[in-house]
Amino acid sequence: MSLFFYGVFILGVVLSGLVLLVLYSLMAMAARVDRYEDQLELEQYRVREYAPPLTKTRKGENQRTSLVSATPDLSHGGNT
């Protein structure tokens, strides 16, 4: 066998090893991202599970009270 054949064979082994290494690292990163997304989804589910329930307002309540600002009215020039 010639030296050229050995060189091509070694180059093929090295390149195929690099391809396998890249494929393995991509699969590992995809698994890590999938695990992270699952964990994030579970945390969001827990937040929704323990959130206080939304209360409905009665028809007789004044809806304008929720729109009143807690800051003082600045149009009167401050302290009067």
C-alpha atoms as a PDB file:
ATOM      1  CA  MET A   1       0.000   0.000   0.000  1.00  0.00           C
ATOM      2  CA  SER A   2       1.156   3.474  -0.728  1.00  0.00           C
ATOM      3  CA  LEU A   3       1.792   6.374   1.552  1.00  0.00           C
ATOM      4  CA  PHE A   4      -1.034   8.273  -0.178  1.00  0.00           C
ATOM      5  CA  PHE A   5      -3.551   5.606   0.877  1.00  0.00           C
ATOM      6  CA  TYR A   6      -2.439   5.819   4.505  1.00  0.00           C
ATOM      7  CA  GLY A   7      -2.671   9.611   4.429  1.00  0.00           C
ATOM      8  CA  VAL A   8      -6.196   9.556   2.989  1.00  0.00           C
ATOM      9  CA  PHE A   9      -7.233   6.892   5.507  1.00  0.00           C
ATOM     10  CA  ILE A  10      -5.893   8.872   8.486  1.00  0.00           C
ATOM     11  CA  LEU A  11      -7.459  12.085   7.177  1.00  0.00           C
ATOM     12  CA  GLY A  12     -10.797  10.292   6.796  1.00  0.00           C
ATOM     13  CA  VAL A  13     -10.617   8.956  10.350  1.00  0.00           C
ATOM     14  CA  VAL A  14      -9.780  12.398  11.752  1.00  0.00           C
ATOM     15  CA  LEU A  15     -12.534  14.153   9.788  1.00  0.00           C
ATOM     16  CA  SER A  16     -15.139  11.548  10.681  1.00  0.00           C
ATOM     17  CA  GLY A  17     -14.123  11.886  14.343  1.00  0.00           C
ATOM     18  CA  LEU A  18     -14.582  15.635  14.139  1.00  0.00           C
ATOM     19  CA  VAL A  19     -18.010  15.217  12.536  1.00  0.00           C
ATOM     20  CA  LEU A  20     -19.053  12.801  15.274  1.00  0.00           C
ATOM     21  CA  LEU A  21     -17.777  15.189  17.930  1.00  0.00           C
ATOM     22  CA  VAL A  22     -19.769  18.087  16.450  1.00  0.00           C
ATOM     23  CA  LEU A  23     -22.916  15.948  16.228  1.00  0.00           C
ATOM     24  CA  TYR A  24     -22.496  14.800  19.831  1.00  0.00           C
ATOM     25  CA  SER A  25     -22.021  18.357  21.101  1.00  0.00           C
ATOM     26  CA  LEU A  26     -25.108  19.541  19.195  1.00  0.00           C
ATOM     27  CA  MET A  27     -27.164  16.714  20.688  1.00  0.00           C
ATOM     28  CA  ALA A  28     -25.866  17.529  24.187  1.00  0.00           C
ATOM     29  CA  MET A  29     -26.743  21.213  23.789  1.00  0.00           C
ATOM     30  CA  ALA A  30     -30.204  20.338  22.494  1.00  0.00           C
ATOM     31  CA  ALA A  31     -30.795  18.066  25.489  1.00  0.00           C
ATOM     32  CA  ARG A  32     -29.666  20.826  27.858  1.00  0.00           C
ATOM     33  CA  VAL A  33     -31.997  23.371  26.227  1.00  0.00           C
ATOM     34  CA  ASP A  34     -34.862  20.879  26.366  1.00  0.00           C
ATOM     35  CA  ARG A  35     -34.222  20.266  30.067  1.00  0.00           C
ATOM     36  CA  TYR A  36     -34.098  24.033  30.703  1.00  0.00           C
ATOM     37  CA  GLU A  37     -37.382  24.607  28.853  1.00  0.00           C
ATOM     38  CA  ASP A  38     -39.055  21.815  30.835  1.00  0.00           C
ATOM     39  CA  GLN A  39     -37.830  23.335  34.100  1.00  0.00           C
ATOM     40  CA  LEU A  40     -39.063  26.784  33.057  1.00  0.00           C
ATOM     41  CA  GLU A  41     -42.472  25.364  32.134  1.00  0.00           C
ATOM     42  CA  LEU A  42     -42.747  23.647  35.525  1.00  0.00           C
ATOM     43  CA  GLU A  43     -41.838  26.873  37.341  1.00  0.00           C
ATOM     44  CA  GLN A  44     -44.481  28.786  35.396  1.00  0.00           C
ATOM     45  CA  TYR A  45     -47.038  26.109  36.269  1.00  0.00           C
ATOM     46  CA  ARG A  46     -46.148  26.395  39.977  1.00  0.00           C
ATOM     47  CA  VAL A  47     -46.500  30.178  39.846  1.00  0.00           C
ATOM     48  CA  ARG A  48     -49.971  29.859  38.291  1.00  0.00           C
ATOM     49  CA  GLU A  49     -50.896  27.161  40.802  1.00  0.00           C
ATOM     50  CA  TYR A  50     -50.019  29.261  43.857  1.00  0.00           C
ATOM     51  CA  ALA A  51     -51.205  32.619  42.508  1.00  0.00           C
ATOM     52  CA  PRO A  52     -54.102  34.172  44.412  1.00  0.00           C
ATOM     53  CA  PRO A  53     -57.425  33.695  42.662  1.00  0.00           C
ATOM     54  CA  LEU A  54     -58.857  36.571  40.695  1.00  0.00           C
ATOM     55  CA  THR A  55     -61.815  38.158  42.450  1.00  0.00           C
ATOM     56  CA  LYS A  56     -64.788  39.418  40.514  1.00  0.00           C
ATOM     57  CA  THR A  57     -66.259  42.786  41.412  1.00  0.00           C
ATOM     58  CA  ARG A  58     -69.887  43.106  42.285  1.00  0.00           C
ATOM     59  CA  LYS A  59     -72.158  45.141  40.039  1.00  0.00           C
ATOM     60  CA  GLY A  60     -72.953  47.602  42.806  1.00  0.00           C
ATOM     61  CA  GLU A  61     -69.330  48.592  43.412  1.00  0.00           C
ATOM     62  CA  ASN A  62     -68.052  51.849  42.071  1.00  0.00           C
ATOM     63  CA  GLN A  63     -65.661  51.078  39.214  1.00  0.00           C
ATOM     64  CA  ARG A  64     -64.070  54.540  39.344  1.00  0.00           C
ATOM     65  CA  THR A  65     -62.351  53.895  42.688  1.00  0.00           C
ATOM     66  CA  SER A  66     -59.798  51.666  40.981  1.00  0.00           C
ATOM     67  CA  LEU A  67     -58.780  54.524  38.682  1.00  0.00           C
ATOM     68  CA  VAL A  68     -57.935  57.008  41.473  1.00  0.00           C
ATOM     69  CA  SER A  69     -54.235  57.772  41.619  1.00  0.00           C
ATOM     70  CA  ALA A  70     -52.346  57.420  44.880  1.00  0.00           C
ATOM     71  CA  THR A  71     -50.113  60.399  44.017  1.00  0.00           C
ATOM     72  CA  PRO A  72     -51.174  63.909  44.999  1.00  0.00           C
ATOM     73  CA  ASP A  73     -52.717  66.102  42.364  1.00  0.00           C
ATOM     74  CA  LEU A  74     -49.896  68.294  41.022  1.00  0.00           C
ATOM     75  CA  SER A  75     -52.132  70.619  39.055  1.00  0.00           C
ATOM     76  CA  HIS A  76     -52.881  72.677  42.204  1.00  0.00           C
ATOM     77  CA  GLY A  77     -49.267  73.647  42.677  1.00  0.00           C
ATOM     78  CA  GLY A  78     -48.359  71.261  45.483  1.00  0.00           C
ATOM     79  CA  ASN A  79     -49.267  72.216  49.062  1.00  0.00           C
ATOM     80  CA  THR A  80     -52.270  74.511  49.306  1.00  0.00           C
END
